[in-house]
Amino acid sequence: MAFLILSVIKLRYRPALIAIGWFLALLLTSCAAVQPERLSQYRNTRYGFEFAYPSRWQPIPPPDNFDGQAFQDPDSPETEIRGWARQILPKQPKDPLKLNFTTDQGLQGELQTEIGREISTLTLTLRQGAIQYIWQARSPNDRFAEQYRLFYNIARQYRVFLEVENSP
């Protein structure tokens, strides 16, 4: 008797059970695909800053003066994250920053998005004393929207050390 009742339930609700099964499979598949990118840290002791970058990205040779570093996506070499710093000379005019962004560390700076013809960028500029810090992420326009959240979160994690170590 119980077998007959279960058979009737299976037949009557079979489309709904199949739909629920497909929905659960799709949900689990999409959850697995949205795993966060594993991050590493780049630290610059000359100017005292650090920023995250995706662990699988490759470093681009740094400049000779050790003022920064860039990393590129091996799957899309036009996609890069880079950070550098520079001394602001006393007589050098300073463009005022539009303070529209605060890092997790509490530093205020200017965050700009620029949509170019082929490449789009997200640039963070901070000033601490006589040092200007610049962090930038860039990618082709067709990938920029999907990577914006990653770029924005990395910009929020940007850190400046309160005491800068001696130059190398």
C-alpha atoms as a PDB file:
ATOM      1  CA  MET A   1       0.000   0.000   0.000  1.00  0.00           C
ATOM      2  CA  ALA A   2       2.770   2.449   0.969  1.00  0.00           C
ATOM      3  CA  PHE A   3       4.571   1.618  -2.278  1.00  0.00           C
ATOM      4  CA  LEU A   4       1.457   2.476  -4.284  1.00  0.00           C
ATOM      5  CA  ILE A   5       1.038   5.822  -2.480  1.00  0.00           C
ATOM      6  CA  LEU A   6       4.719   6.723  -3.056  1.00  0.00           C
ATOM      7  CA  SER A   7       4.392   5.808  -6.744  1.00  0.00           C
ATOM      8  CA  VAL A   8       1.361   8.097  -7.122  1.00  0.00           C
ATOM      9  CA  ILE A   9       3.180  10.960  -5.324  1.00  0.00           C
ATOM     10  CA  LYS A  10       6.260  10.503  -7.519  1.00  0.00           C
ATOM     11  CA  LEU A  11       4.192  10.571 -10.698  1.00  0.00           C
ATOM     12  CA  ARG A  12       2.024  13.502  -9.643  1.00  0.00           C
ATOM     13  CA  TYR A  13       4.862  15.705  -8.378  1.00  0.00           C
ATOM     14  CA  ARG A  14       7.600  14.485 -10.669  1.00  0.00           C
ATOM     15  CA  PRO A  15       7.900  17.766 -12.661  1.00  0.00           C
ATOM     16  CA  ALA A  16       8.197  19.762  -9.446  1.00  0.00           C
ATOM     17  CA  LEU A  17      10.811  17.354  -8.038  1.00  0.00           C
ATOM     18  CA  ILE A  18      12.818  17.559 -11.252  1.00  0.00           C
ATOM     19  CA  ALA A  19      12.637  21.373 -11.193  1.00  0.00           C
ATOM     20  CA  ILE A  20      13.753  21.456  -7.551  1.00  0.00           C
ATOM     21  CA  GLY A  21      16.622  19.089  -8.380  1.00  0.00           C
ATOM     22  CA  TRP A  22      17.788  21.263 -11.284  1.00  0.00           C
ATOM     23  CA  PHE A  23      17.484  24.388  -9.153  1.00  0.00           C
ATOM     24  CA  LEU A  24      19.608  22.860  -6.368  1.00  0.00           C
ATOM     25  CA  ALA A  25      22.228  21.639  -8.852  1.00  0.00           C
ATOM     26  CA  LEU A  26      22.406  25.071 -10.478  1.00  0.00           C
ATOM     27  CA  LEU A  27      22.639  26.781  -7.088  1.00  0.00           C
ATOM     28  CA  LEU A  28      25.480  24.525  -5.927  1.00  0.00           C
ATOM     29  CA  THR A  29      27.339  24.922  -9.222  1.00  0.00           C
ATOM     30  CA  SER A  30      27.099  28.715  -9.133  1.00  0.00           C
ATOM     31  CA  CYS A  31      28.261  28.798  -5.493  1.00  0.00           C
ATOM     32  CA  ALA A  32      31.358  26.810  -6.421  1.00  0.00           C
ATOM     33  CA  ALA A  33      32.112  29.155  -9.334  1.00  0.00           C
ATOM     34  CA  VAL A  34      31.993  32.318  -7.188  1.00  0.00           C
ATOM     35  CA  GLN A  35      34.777  31.348  -4.816  1.00  0.00           C
ATOM     36  CA  PRO A  36      36.836  34.352  -3.808  1.00  0.00           C
ATOM     37  CA  GLU A  37      40.214  34.880  -5.420  1.00  0.00           C
ATOM     38  CA  ARG A  38      43.124  33.844  -3.170  1.00  0.00           C
ATOM     39  CA  LEU A  39      45.263  36.912  -2.463  1.00  0.00           C
ATOM     40  CA  SER A  40      48.937  37.537  -1.688  1.00  0.00           C
ATOM     41  CA  GLN A  41      50.527  40.729  -0.355  1.00  0.00           C
ATOM     42  CA  TYR A  42      53.138  42.945  -1.961  1.00  0.00           C
ATOM     43  CA  ARG A  43      55.077  45.050   0.544  1.00  0.00           C
ATOM     44  CA  ASN A  44      57.290  48.011  -0.376  1.00  0.00           C
ATOM     45  CA  THR A  45      59.718  48.863   2.437  1.00  0.00           C
ATOM     46  CA  ARG A  46      61.205  51.866   0.635  1.00  0.00           C
ATOM     47  CA  TYR A  47      57.982  53.870   0.770  1.00  0.00           C
ATOM     48  CA  GLY A  48      56.132  51.860   3.390  1.00  0.00           C
ATOM     49  CA  PHE A  49      53.007  50.520   1.681  1.00  0.00           C
ATOM     50  CA  GLU A  50      51.393  47.206   0.834  1.00  0.00           C
ATOM     51  CA  PHE A  51      48.575  45.958  -1.326  1.00  0.00           C
ATOM     52  CA  ALA A  52      46.975  42.643  -2.172  1.00  0.00           C
ATOM     53  CA  TYR A  53      46.999  40.952  -5.562  1.00  0.00           C
ATOM     54  CA  PRO A  54      45.607  37.600  -6.796  1.00  0.00           C
ATOM     55  CA  SER A  55      48.097  34.866  -5.865  1.00  0.00           C
ATOM     56  CA  ARG A  56      48.183  33.313  -9.321  1.00  0.00           C
ATOM     57  CA  TRP A  57      49.070  36.622 -11.017  1.00  0.00           C
ATOM     58  CA  GLN A  58      52.649  37.070 -12.189  1.00  0.00           C
ATOM     59  CA  PRO A  59      54.953  39.950 -11.164  1.00  0.00           C
ATOM     60  CA  ILE A  60      56.274  42.241 -13.864  1.00  0.00           C
ATOM     61  CA  PRO A  61      59.942  43.215 -13.303  1.00  0.00           C
ATOM     62  CA  PRO A  62      60.033  46.209 -10.929  1.00  0.00           C
ATOM     63  CA  PRO A  63      61.666  49.505 -11.810  1.00  0.00           C
ATOM     64  CA  ASP A  64      65.306  49.952 -10.767  1.00  0.00           C
ATOM     65  CA  ASN A  65      64.409  52.526  -8.116  1.00  0.00           C
ATOM     66  CA  PHE A  66      62.155  50.072  -6.192  1.00  0.00           C
ATOM     67  CA  ASP A  67      59.264  52.551  -6.072  1.00  0.00           C
ATOM     68  CA  GLY A  68      56.601  49.920  -6.810  1.00  0.00           C
ATOM     69  CA  GLN A  69      55.509  46.686  -8.404  1.00  0.00           C
ATOM     70  CA  ALA A  70      52.994  45.443 -10.960  1.00  0.00           C
ATOM     71  CA  PHE A  71      51.276  42.066 -11.329  1.00  0.00           C
ATOM     72  CA  GLN A  72      49.455  40.733 -14.373  1.00  0.00           C
ATOM     73  CA  ASP A  73      46.815  38.115 -14.915  1.00  0.00           C
ATOM     74  CA  PRO A  74      48.410  35.178 -16.811  1.00  0.00           C
ATOM     75  CA  ASP A  75      45.063  34.568 -18.568  1.00  0.00           C
ATOM     76  CA  SER A  76      44.761  38.201 -19.663  1.00  0.00           C
ATOM     77  CA  PRO A  77      48.137  40.027 -19.807  1.00  0.00           C
ATOM     78  CA  GLU A  78      46.368  43.383 -20.321  1.00  0.00           C
ATOM     79  CA  THR A  79      44.847  42.985 -16.832  1.00  0.00           C
ATOM     80  CA  GLU A  80      47.180  44.400 -14.196  1.00  0.00           C
ATOM     81  CA  ILE A  81      47.365  45.642 -10.635  1.00  0.00           C
ATOM     82  CA  ARG A  82      50.200  47.990  -9.751  1.00  0.00           C
ATOM     83  CA  GLY A  83      51.227  50.208  -6.892  1.00  0.00           C
ATOM     84  CA  TRP A  84      53.983  52.789  -6.536  1.00  0.00           C
ATOM     85  CA  ALA A  85      54.903  55.847  -4.518  1.00  0.00           C
ATOM     86  CA  ARG A  86      56.926  58.999  -4.975  1.00  0.00           C
ATOM     87  CA  GLN A  87      58.284  61.888  -2.971  1.00  0.00           C
ATOM     88  CA  ILE A  88      56.445  65.172  -3.387  1.00  0.00           C
ATOM     89  CA  LEU A  89      59.054  67.900  -3.652  1.00  0.00           C
ATOM     90  CA  PRO A  90      58.438  70.996  -1.517  1.00  0.00           C
ATOM     91  CA  LYS A  91      58.185  73.333  -4.540  1.00  0.00           C
ATOM     92  CA  GLN A  92      56.152  70.869  -6.588  1.00  0.00           C
ATOM     93  CA  PRO A  93      52.503  71.968  -6.976  1.00  0.00           C
ATOM     94  CA  LYS A  94      50.002  69.530  -5.477  1.00  0.00           C
ATOM     95  CA  ASP A  95      46.732  68.962  -7.250  1.00  0.00           C
ATOM     96  CA  PRO A  96      44.037  68.776  -4.594  1.00  0.00           C
ATOM     97  CA  LEU A  97      42.627  65.296  -4.056  1.00  0.00           C
ATOM     98  CA  LYS A  98      38.877  64.781  -4.111  1.00  0.00           C
ATOM     99  CA  LEU A  99      38.608  62.723  -0.916  1.00  0.00           C
ATOM    100  CA  ASN A 100      35.886  60.287  -1.930  1.00  0.00           C
ATOM    101  CA  PHE A 101      37.292  56.996  -0.599  1.00  0.00           C
ATOM    102  CA  THR A 102      38.458  55.563   2.724  1.00  0.00           C
ATOM    103  CA  THR A 103      40.619  52.441   3.053  1.00  0.00           C
ATOM    104  CA  ASP A 104      40.005  49.821   5.731  1.00  0.00           C
ATOM    105  CA  GLN A 105      42.990  51.387   7.529  1.00  0.00           C
ATOM    106  CA  GLY A 106      41.076  54.693   7.678  1.00  0.00           C
ATOM    107  CA  LEU A 107      43.189  56.596   5.134  1.00  0.00           C
ATOM    108  CA  GLN A 108      41.294  59.014   2.912  1.00  0.00           C
ATOM    109  CA  GLY A 109      42.114  59.345  -0.735  1.00  0.00           C
ATOM    110  CA  GLU A 110      40.753  59.795  -4.208  1.00  0.00           C
ATOM    111  CA  LEU A 111      39.368  56.839  -6.152  1.00  0.00           C
ATOM    112  CA  GLN A 112      38.852  57.410  -9.872  1.00  0.00           C
ATOM    113  CA  THR A 113      37.348  55.149 -12.504  1.00  0.00           C
ATOM    114  CA  GLU A 114      38.296  55.845 -16.093  1.00  0.00           C
ATOM    115  CA  ILE A 115      36.592  54.041 -18.947  1.00  0.00           C
ATOM    116  CA  GLY A 116      38.867  54.209 -21.977  1.00  0.00           C
ATOM    117  CA  ARG A 117      38.282  53.036 -25.515  1.00  0.00           C
ATOM    118  CA  GLU A 118      39.926  49.658 -24.904  1.00  0.00           C
ATOM    119  CA  ILE A 119      41.274  49.671 -21.332  1.00  0.00           C
ATOM    120  CA  SER A 120      39.527  50.844 -18.159  1.00  0.00           C
ATOM    121  CA  THR A 121      41.268  51.721 -14.903  1.00  0.00           C
ATOM    122  CA  LEU A 122      40.530  52.157 -11.222  1.00  0.00           C
ATOM    123  CA  THR A 123      43.103  54.445  -9.564  1.00  0.00           C
ATOM    124  CA  LEU A 124      43.541  55.182  -5.861  1.00  0.00           C
ATOM    125  CA  THR A 125      45.685  58.162  -4.836  1.00  0.00           C
ATOM    126  CA  LEU A 126      46.677  58.822  -1.216  1.00  0.00           C
ATOM    127  CA  ARG A 127      48.993  61.371   0.383  1.00  0.00           C
ATOM    128  CA  GLN A 128      50.778  61.010   3.683  1.00  0.00           C
ATOM    129  CA  GLY A 129      53.234  63.779   4.495  1.00  0.00           C
ATOM    130  CA  ALA A 130      55.609  64.252   1.568  1.00  0.00           C
ATOM    131  CA  ILE A 131      54.760  60.919  -0.089  1.00  0.00           C
ATOM    132  CA  GLN A 132      52.113  60.281  -2.731  1.00  0.00           C
ATOM    133  CA  TYR A 133      50.874  56.681  -3.030  1.00  0.00           C
ATOM    134  CA  ILE A 134      49.222  55.446  -6.201  1.00  0.00           C
ATOM    135  CA  TRP A 135      47.540  52.097  -6.722  1.00  0.00           C
ATOM    136  CA  GLN A 136      45.960  51.153 -10.022  1.00  0.00           C
ATOM    137  CA  ALA A 137      44.028  48.259 -11.514  1.00  0.00           C
ATOM    138  CA  ARG A 138      43.372  48.028 -15.221  1.00  0.00           C
ATOM    139  CA  SER A 139      41.749  45.615 -17.592  1.00  0.00           C
ATOM    140  CA  PRO A 140      40.196  45.465 -21.045  1.00  0.00           C
ATOM    141  CA  ASN A 141      36.729  47.027 -21.134  1.00  0.00           C
ATOM    142  CA  ASP A 142      35.017  43.707 -21.795  1.00  0.00           C
ATOM    143  CA  ARG A 143      36.376  42.302 -18.471  1.00  0.00           C
ATOM    144  CA  PHE A 144      36.374  45.448 -16.324  1.00  0.00           C
ATOM    145  CA  ALA A 145      32.811  45.123 -15.014  1.00  0.00           C
ATOM    146  CA  GLU A 146      33.343  41.526 -13.849  1.00  0.00           C
ATOM    147  CA  GLN A 147      36.616  42.457 -12.110  1.00  0.00           C
ATOM    148  CA  TYR A 148      35.508  45.738 -10.580  1.00  0.00           C
ATOM    149  CA  ARG A 149      34.459  44.176  -7.255  1.00  0.00           C
ATOM    150  CA  LEU A 150      37.865  42.464  -6.887  1.00  0.00           C
ATOM    151  CA  PHE A 151      39.672  45.703  -7.738  1.00  0.00           C
ATOM    152  CA  TYR A 152      37.540  47.766  -5.350  1.00  0.00           C
ATOM    153  CA  ASN A 153      38.079  45.333  -2.460  1.00  0.00           C
ATOM    154  CA  ILE A 154      41.838  45.319  -3.040  1.00  0.00           C
ATOM    155  CA  ALA A 155      41.848  49.144  -3.048  1.00  0.00           C
ATOM    156  CA  ARG A 156      40.051  49.088   0.318  1.00  0.00           C
ATOM    157  CA  GLN A 157      42.784  46.821   1.730  1.00  0.00           C
ATOM    158  CA  TYR A 158      45.633  49.143   0.638  1.00  0.00           C
ATOM    159  CA  ARG A 159      47.837  49.972   3.659  1.00  0.00           C
ATOM    160  CA  VAL A 160      50.487  52.542   4.478  1.00  0.00           C
ATOM    161  CA  PHE A 161      52.926  51.914   7.326  1.00  0.00           C
ATOM    162  CA  LEU A 162      53.154  54.669   9.886  1.00  0.00           C
ATOM    163  CA  GLU A 163      56.942  54.416   9.951  1.00  0.00           C
ATOM    164  CA  VAL A 164      58.833  53.952   6.687  1.00  0.00           C
ATOM    165  CA  GLU A 165      61.875  51.687   6.870  1.00  0.00           C
ATOM    166  CA  ASN A 166      65.228  52.821   5.452  1.00  0.00           C
ATOM    167  CA  SER A 167      65.715  52.589   1.691  1.00  0.00           C
ATOM    168  CA  PRO A 168      67.363  49.395   0.378  1.00  0.00           C
END
